[in-house]
Amino acid sequence: MIRNKFLLLDNNYQFHLKEEQITLKGNVLKVLSTAICGTDLHILNEEIDIPHPIILGHEIIGIIEKLDNPDEIISYNKLSVGDVVILAPAFKCGECIKCKTGDYCINRNFYGLNIPYSGEFCGGFSQYINLQKNSKLYKLPQSMSIDKGLLVEVIAACIRANKIAFNKEYSVNKRVLVFGAGVIGITTAILAKLYGADVLICDMVEHRLQKASQLFNLNTLNTKGLSDVSITAGIKEYFKGLFPEIVIECAGTLKAIEQAFNVLSKRSRLVIMGNYADVGKINLSPSFICLNDIEIKGTSETYPEDMVDAMSIMKIYPEIQFDKMITHKFSLSDYEKAIEIAKTLKGIKVVFEFDK
């Protein structure tokens, strides 16, 4: 038997640090590192409905500790015990009509999001994870660090947003505005630049904008304390009197959506990426959308090809220091401090590290 340490979220949205003696059986992942995502913070704010009790954590990298049933795992690589792998958050049910016809599963399960704790460990805030049938694992390339590997799923989500924004077409100097300079916003802006775009990123947190500028050479606008009129003016000034052609919302706030509509223009496109929690409603003008041929699209997940594309981009552009967005590392025992740093936006990406 082996001792497993994990964080359990109860019905009152309170964490409890627990340890249990467990017997490893089936397919088991020993977690090396897991990140606190914006989704986790929305859950803690009771803005996303989830089952309880539950172990959170869906951005996960670890070592295959046990592989009794390899045929139950989906992977592009042959896997063995001891391999370092990235765990895709979602996995298909294998039973619904979509699964049986080879389409996209409508009953997807998500590690750390919709699997209640009932004796098995199915979230990244646990040192060991019981890998479920149809789990997708991506073997970490030898040239890639653990920190960069942990961000593959994040980058994959941003790749999906950019594919939607650009319709998969490279476009030189297309004007792109990104709201939000967290890890999702910064990564989305970096990838938009790779598409050839002229990118401006907005946020109200100065240290995040400084990271975006200093580490990734991104153009920034601090909107803290500015009126909507001043924000619109600042955006138009950057784009030399023009409005952006693409706006990608990564802030997760209603205010960002409202500001986005202030700068949408004829035949522009809005991609909503950050509002996966229901934080309220806004007033829209259907006439404005109709008369200006505005496209509005949402995205909240990654697809298998996005994960592969993410690793390819990191290999092609090793000079992009994605891992520098990891600003804080904690042990699971220091979870209160880690959650506080994440909640108060004092970092960019906060992670839990486990002993190897």
Protein backbone atom coordinates (compact mmCIF):
# COMPACT_ATOMS: atom_id res chain seq x y z
CA MET A 1 0.00 0.00 0.00
CA ILE A 2 0.97 3.61 -0.51
CA ARG A 3 -0.07 6.89 1.10
CA ASN A 4 -2.01 9.34 -1.07
CA LYS A 5 -2.42 13.01 -0.20
CA PHE A 6 -5.33 14.90 -1.73
CA LEU A 7 -7.61 17.94 -1.37
CA LEU A 8 -11.30 17.20 -1.06
CA LEU A 9 -13.89 19.91 -1.71
CA ASP A 10 -17.01 19.37 0.40
CA ASN A 11 -20.66 20.38 -0.08
CA ASN A 12 -19.95 23.76 1.51
CA TYR A 13 -17.11 24.51 -0.91
CA GLN A 14 -14.51 24.04 1.81
CA PHE A 15 -11.23 22.19 1.19
CA HIS A 16 -10.01 19.39 3.44
CA LEU A 17 -6.45 18.08 3.17
CA LYS A 18 -6.57 14.31 3.50
CA GLU A 19 -4.26 11.32 3.43
CA GLU A 20 -5.28 7.73 2.80
CA GLN A 21 -3.50 4.43 2.47
CA ILE A 22 -4.34 3.09 -0.99
CA THR A 23 -3.58 0.04 -3.07
CA LEU A 24 -2.54 0.85 -6.63
CA LYS A 25 -4.54 -1.11 -9.17
CA GLY A 26 -5.66 -0.66 -12.75
CA ASN A 27 -4.19 2.33 -14.54
CA VAL A 28 -2.71 4.90 -12.18
CA LEU A 29 -1.03 8.26 -12.74
CA LYS A 30 1.33 9.73 -10.17
CA VAL A 31 0.85 13.47 -10.46
CA LEU A 32 3.96 15.63 -10.77
CA SER A 33 2.27 18.98 -11.12
CA THR A 34 -1.24 20.38 -11.48
CA ALA A 35 -2.36 23.94 -12.06
CA ILE A 36 -5.08 26.05 -10.52
CA CYS A 37 -7.30 27.10 -13.42
CA GLY A 38 -9.75 29.97 -13.67
CA THR A 39 -12.46 27.31 -13.78
CA ASP A 40 -11.42 26.15 -10.31
CA LEU A 41 -11.79 29.70 -9.01
CA HIS A 42 -15.26 30.01 -10.53
CA ILE A 43 -16.18 26.74 -8.80
CA LEU A 44 -14.96 28.07 -5.46
CA ASN A 45 -17.08 31.16 -6.04
CA GLU A 46 -20.06 28.81 -6.58
CA GLU A 47 -20.50 30.05 -10.16
CA ILE A 48 -20.29 26.57 -11.74
CA ASP A 49 -22.50 23.71 -10.62
CA ILE A 50 -20.49 20.59 -9.79
CA PRO A 51 -21.08 17.36 -7.84
CA HIS A 52 -19.79 17.07 -4.27
CA PRO A 53 -17.58 15.99 -2.70
CA ILE A 54 -14.99 16.30 -5.45
CA ILE A 55 -11.25 16.51 -6.09
CA LEU A 56 -10.57 19.49 -8.35
CA GLY A 57 -7.70 19.94 -10.81
CA HIS A 58 -7.81 19.29 -14.56
CA GLU A 59 -4.48 20.67 -15.85
CA ILE A 60 -2.31 17.68 -15.04
CA ILE A 61 1.07 16.18 -15.84
CA GLY A 62 2.40 13.03 -14.21
CA ILE A 63 4.19 9.70 -14.41
CA ILE A 64 2.47 6.45 -15.30
CA GLU A 65 2.73 4.52 -12.04
CA LYS A 66 0.70 1.47 -13.03
CA LEU A 67 -0.63 0.27 -16.38
CA ASP A 68 -2.60 -2.92 -15.90
CA ASN A 69 -5.08 -2.19 -18.69
CA PRO A 70 -3.27 -0.32 -21.49
CA ASP A 71 -6.08 -1.04 -23.98
CA GLU A 72 -8.34 1.27 -21.97
CA ILE A 73 -6.04 4.25 -22.57
CA ILE A 74 -6.07 6.36 -25.75
CA SER A 75 -2.65 7.61 -26.81
CA TYR A 76 -0.72 8.57 -29.92
CA ASN A 77 2.34 6.84 -28.43
CA LYS A 78 3.08 3.43 -27.01
CA LEU A 79 3.08 3.94 -23.26
CA SER A 80 4.95 2.24 -20.46
CA VAL A 81 5.19 2.55 -16.69
CA GLY A 82 7.54 5.43 -15.91
CA ASP A 83 6.56 7.57 -18.90
CA VAL A 84 5.84 11.24 -18.20
CA VAL A 85 2.50 12.14 -19.75
CA ILE A 86 0.03 14.99 -20.08
CA LEU A 87 -3.50 13.99 -19.13
CA ALA A 88 -6.27 15.43 -21.30
CA PRO A 89 -9.04 16.74 -19.02
CA ALA A 90 -11.96 15.23 -20.93
CA PHE A 91 -12.69 11.66 -21.97
CA LYS A 92 -15.62 10.12 -23.81
CA CYS A 93 -18.28 7.97 -22.21
CA GLY A 94 -18.16 5.39 -25.01
CA GLU A 95 -21.90 4.69 -24.69
CA CYS A 96 -23.88 7.62 -26.13
CA ILE A 97 -25.18 7.76 -29.71
CA LYS A 98 -22.41 10.21 -30.64
CA CYS A 99 -19.71 7.85 -29.40
CA LYS A 100 -21.25 4.90 -31.23
CA THR A 101 -21.28 6.86 -34.50
CA GLY A 102 -17.74 8.15 -34.03
CA ASP A 103 -18.88 11.72 -33.34
CA TYR A 104 -17.99 14.05 -30.48
CA CYS A 105 -19.25 12.61 -27.18
CA ILE A 106 -22.17 14.50 -25.61
CA ASN A 107 -21.60 12.98 -22.16
CA ARG A 108 -17.93 13.73 -21.71
CA ASN A 109 -16.41 13.28 -18.29
CA PHE A 110 -13.84 15.73 -17.00
CA TYR A 111 -11.14 15.09 -14.46
CA GLY A 112 -11.52 17.54 -11.60
CA LEU A 113 -14.83 18.92 -12.85
CA ASN A 114 -17.72 16.47 -12.94
CA ILE A 115 -16.58 13.22 -11.31
CA PRO A 116 -17.57 13.12 -7.63
CA TYR A 117 -15.26 11.47 -5.13
CA SER A 118 -16.48 8.00 -4.23
CA GLY A 119 -13.26 6.20 -3.38
CA GLU A 120 -11.41 6.77 -6.65
CA PHE A 121 -9.18 9.77 -7.23
CA CYS A 122 -10.20 11.65 -10.36
CA GLY A 123 -8.72 15.13 -9.98
CA GLY A 124 -5.30 16.74 -10.13
CA PHE A 125 -5.41 17.96 -6.53
CA SER A 126 -4.41 14.41 -5.62
CA GLN A 127 -0.97 12.82 -5.79
CA TYR A 128 -2.40 9.72 -7.46
CA ILE A 129 -5.17 9.54 -10.07
CA ASN A 130 -7.18 6.47 -11.04
CA LEU A 131 -7.16 6.71 -14.82
CA GLN A 132 -10.60 6.06 -16.25
CA LYS A 133 -11.44 4.12 -19.40
CA ASN A 134 -10.95 6.21 -22.59
CA SER A 135 -8.56 8.62 -20.89
CA LYS A 136 -6.24 10.39 -23.33
CA LEU A 137 -2.53 10.57 -22.50
CA TYR A 138 0.13 12.48 -24.43
CA LYS A 139 3.72 11.43 -23.86
CA LEU A 140 5.95 14.35 -22.91
CA PRO A 141 8.70 14.91 -25.51
CA GLN A 142 12.17 14.43 -24.05
CA SER A 143 13.12 17.99 -24.95
CA MET A 144 10.16 19.50 -23.06
CA SER A 145 10.29 20.48 -19.39
CA ILE A 146 7.64 19.51 -16.85
CA ASP A 147 6.55 23.15 -16.54
CA LYS A 148 6.06 23.55 -20.28
CA GLY A 149 4.29 20.21 -20.45
CA LEU A 150 1.86 21.34 -17.77
CA LEU A 151 0.83 24.23 -20.02
CA VAL A 152 0.12 22.10 -23.11
CA GLU A 153 -3.60 21.89 -22.35
CA VAL A 154 -3.77 25.66 -21.80
CA ILE A 155 -1.99 26.32 -25.08
CA ALA A 156 -4.26 23.83 -26.82
CA ALA A 157 -7.34 25.74 -25.62
CA CYS A 158 -5.85 28.97 -26.96
CA ILE A 159 -5.03 27.30 -30.26
CA ARG A 160 -8.69 26.35 -30.56
CA ALA A 161 -9.71 29.98 -29.94
CA ASN A 162 -7.28 31.23 -32.57
CA LYS A 163 -8.45 28.67 -35.12
CA ILE A 164 -11.97 29.99 -34.63
CA ALA A 165 -10.83 33.61 -34.72
CA PHE A 166 -8.80 33.29 -37.91
CA ASN A 167 -10.79 30.53 -39.61
CA LYS A 168 -7.46 28.64 -39.65
CA GLU A 169 -5.98 31.18 -42.09
CA TYR A 170 -2.72 33.08 -41.64
CA SER A 171 -3.43 36.79 -41.91
CA VAL A 172 -0.72 39.44 -41.91
CA ASN A 173 -1.44 42.51 -39.77
CA LYS A 174 -5.04 41.64 -38.98
CA ARG A 175 -6.05 43.82 -36.02
CA VAL A 176 -6.66 41.65 -32.96
CA LEU A 177 -7.73 42.77 -29.49
CA VAL A 178 -7.47 40.42 -26.50
CA PHE A 179 -9.24 41.14 -23.22
CA GLY A 180 -7.54 39.58 -20.22
CA ALA A 181 -3.83 39.10 -19.46
CA GLY A 182 -3.99 35.93 -17.45
CA VAL A 183 -2.34 32.80 -18.80
CA ILE A 184 -5.19 32.26 -21.30
CA GLY A 185 -5.12 35.84 -22.57
CA ILE A 186 -1.35 36.07 -22.86
CA THR A 187 -1.12 32.71 -24.62
CA THR A 188 -3.96 33.65 -26.98
CA ALA A 189 -2.17 36.90 -27.83
CA ILE A 190 1.15 35.11 -28.43
CA LEU A 191 -0.52 32.68 -30.82
CA ALA A 192 -2.37 35.47 -32.61
CA LYS A 193 1.00 37.09 -33.29
CA LEU A 194 2.17 33.79 -34.78
CA TYR A 195 -0.82 34.06 -37.12
CA GLY A 196 0.70 37.35 -38.28
CA ALA A 197 -1.70 39.65 -36.46
CA ASP A 198 -1.16 43.06 -34.93
CA VAL A 199 -2.19 42.36 -31.32
CA LEU A 200 -3.18 44.53 -28.37
CA ILE A 201 -3.93 42.98 -24.98
CA CYS A 202 -5.97 44.76 -22.29
CA ASP A 203 -6.16 44.14 -18.56
CA MET A 204 -6.55 46.00 -15.27
CA VAL A 205 -3.65 44.25 -13.47
CA GLU A 206 -0.37 46.02 -14.17
CA HIS A 207 2.04 43.22 -13.19
CA ARG A 208 0.33 40.88 -15.65
CA LEU A 209 0.65 43.41 -18.44
CA GLN A 210 4.31 43.88 -17.56
CA LYS A 211 4.86 40.12 -17.92
CA ALA A 212 3.08 40.17 -21.26
CA SER A 213 5.25 43.03 -22.48
CA GLN A 214 8.62 42.07 -21.04
CA LEU A 215 8.56 38.31 -21.65
CA PHE A 216 6.54 38.10 -24.85
CA ASN A 217 6.87 41.53 -26.46
CA LEU A 218 3.12 42.09 -26.45
CA ASN A 219 1.54 45.51 -26.80
CA THR A 220 -0.61 46.32 -23.79
CA LEU A 221 -3.26 48.71 -22.48
CA ASN A 222 -4.04 49.08 -18.77
CA THR A 223 -7.77 49.77 -18.49
CA LYS A 224 -7.88 50.17 -14.71
CA GLY A 225 -9.85 53.28 -13.77
CA LEU A 226 -10.63 54.16 -17.38
CA SER A 227 -14.13 54.93 -18.59
CA ASP A 228 -15.59 52.93 -21.46
CA VAL A 229 -15.08 55.97 -23.70
CA SER A 230 -11.41 56.21 -22.72
CA ILE A 231 -10.87 52.47 -23.24
CA THR A 232 -12.40 52.68 -26.71
CA ALA A 233 -10.26 55.71 -27.49
CA GLY A 234 -7.09 53.94 -26.32
CA ILE A 235 -7.85 50.93 -28.48
CA LYS A 236 -8.55 53.07 -31.54
CA GLU A 237 -5.37 55.06 -30.92
CA TYR A 238 -3.30 51.87 -30.90
CA PHE A 239 -4.87 50.68 -34.15
CA LYS A 240 -4.29 54.09 -35.76
CA GLY A 241 -7.90 55.20 -35.73
CA LEU A 242 -9.39 51.83 -36.66
CA PHE A 243 -11.32 49.23 -34.71
CA PRO A 244 -10.04 45.65 -34.27
CA GLU A 245 -11.17 43.06 -36.78
CA ILE A 246 -11.06 40.28 -34.20
CA VAL A 247 -11.79 40.53 -30.48
CA ILE A 248 -11.01 37.56 -28.23
CA GLU A 249 -12.45 37.71 -24.72
CA CYS A 250 -10.29 35.89 -22.17
CA ALA A 251 -11.09 37.89 -19.03
CA GLY A 252 -14.11 35.97 -17.83
CA THR A 253 -16.05 39.11 -16.90
CA LEU A 254 -19.24 40.71 -18.19
CA LYS A 255 -17.43 44.03 -18.39
CA ALA A 256 -15.01 42.63 -20.95
CA ILE A 257 -17.92 41.50 -23.14
CA GLU A 258 -19.55 44.92 -22.89
CA GLN A 259 -16.28 46.63 -23.80
CA ALA A 260 -15.83 44.24 -26.70
CA PHE A 261 -19.13 45.36 -28.19
CA ASN A 262 -17.97 48.96 -27.94
CA VAL A 263 -15.17 48.26 -30.41
CA LEU A 264 -16.77 45.75 -32.77
CA SER A 265 -17.20 47.12 -36.28
CA LYS A 266 -18.39 46.04 -39.72
CA ARG A 267 -17.68 42.33 -40.37
CA SER A 268 -15.65 41.89 -37.19
CA ARG A 269 -15.58 38.71 -35.15
CA LEU A 270 -15.93 38.18 -31.40
CA VAL A 271 -14.63 34.96 -29.84
CA ILE A 272 -15.80 34.41 -26.27
CA MET A 273 -13.38 32.19 -24.43
CA GLY A 274 -13.39 33.34 -20.82
CA ASN A 275 -17.06 33.26 -19.80
CA TYR A 276 -17.46 29.54 -19.17
CA ALA A 277 -19.11 30.32 -15.82
CA ASP A 278 -22.53 31.92 -15.75
CA VAL A 279 -21.68 35.23 -14.10
CA GLY A 280 -24.72 37.10 -15.39
CA LYS A 281 -26.32 38.65 -18.45
CA ILE A 282 -25.67 41.70 -20.64
CA ASN A 283 -27.86 43.74 -22.98
CA LEU A 284 -27.22 43.19 -26.69
CA SER A 285 -28.52 44.88 -29.80
CA PRO A 286 -29.50 42.20 -32.34
CA SER A 287 -29.85 44.97 -34.92
CA PHE A 288 -26.20 46.01 -34.43
CA ILE A 289 -25.05 42.41 -34.90
CA CYS A 290 -27.24 41.93 -37.95
CA LEU A 291 -26.52 45.20 -39.76
CA ASN A 292 -22.75 44.93 -39.19
CA ASP A 293 -22.36 41.24 -40.10
CA ILE A 294 -20.86 40.55 -36.68
CA GLU A 295 -19.76 36.96 -35.98
CA ILE A 296 -19.93 35.78 -32.39
CA LYS A 297 -18.47 32.40 -31.51
CA GLY A 298 -17.73 30.62 -28.26
CA THR A 299 -15.13 28.07 -27.25
CA SER A 300 -14.47 26.29 -23.98
CA GLU A 301 -12.69 23.02 -24.73
CA THR A 302 -9.73 21.48 -26.46
CA TYR A 303 -9.77 18.78 -29.12
CA PRO A 304 -7.17 16.01 -29.50
CA GLU A 305 -5.59 17.70 -32.53
CA ASP A 306 -5.18 20.91 -30.51
CA MET A 307 -3.05 19.09 -27.94
CA VAL A 308 -0.82 17.76 -30.70
CA ASP A 309 -0.64 21.23 -32.27
CA ALA A 310 0.32 22.72 -28.92
CA MET A 311 3.30 20.40 -28.53
CA SER A 312 4.31 21.10 -32.13
CA ILE A 313 4.27 24.87 -31.55
CA MET A 314 6.39 24.51 -28.42
CA LYS A 315 8.87 22.45 -30.41
CA ILE A 316 8.97 24.87 -33.37
CA TYR A 317 9.25 27.95 -31.14
CA PRO A 318 11.42 26.89 -28.18
CA GLU A 319 12.35 30.54 -27.64
CA ILE A 320 8.81 31.32 -26.44
CA GLN A 321 9.06 30.94 -22.68
CA PHE A 322 5.54 29.78 -21.97
CA ASP A 323 6.71 28.31 -18.66
CA LYS A 324 7.58 31.79 -17.36
CA MET A 325 3.85 32.32 -16.88
CA ILE A 326 4.08 29.90 -13.96
CA THR A 327 4.70 32.45 -11.24
CA HIS A 328 4.03 30.47 -8.05
CA LYS A 329 4.58 26.87 -6.95
CA PHE A 330 3.23 25.29 -3.78
CA SER A 331 2.98 21.93 -2.11
CA LEU A 332 -0.56 20.64 -1.59
CA SER A 333 -0.16 21.32 2.13
CA ASP A 334 0.08 25.04 1.36
CA TYR A 335 -3.22 25.03 -0.52
CA GLU A 336 -4.71 27.97 1.40
CA LYS A 337 -1.88 30.27 0.34
CA ALA A 338 -1.95 28.95 -3.23
CA ILE A 339 -5.69 29.55 -3.59
CA GLU A 340 -5.35 33.02 -2.10
CA ILE A 341 -2.61 33.97 -4.59
CA ALA A 342 -4.74 32.71 -7.46
CA LYS A 343 -7.93 34.39 -6.26
CA THR A 344 -6.31 37.79 -5.72
CA LEU A 345 -4.59 37.73 -9.14
CA LYS A 346 -1.17 38.20 -7.54
CA GLY A 347 0.28 35.65 -9.93
CA ILE A 348 -0.44 34.42 -13.43
CA LYS A 349 -0.35 30.64 -13.19
CA VAL A 350 -0.26 29.01 -9.75
CA VAL A 351 0.56 25.31 -9.51
CA PHE A 352 0.80 22.48 -7.01
CA GLU A 353 3.92 20.34 -7.20
CA PHE A 354 4.22 16.82 -5.82
CA ASP A 355 7.30 14.84 -4.87
CA LYS A 356 8.71 12.82 -7.75
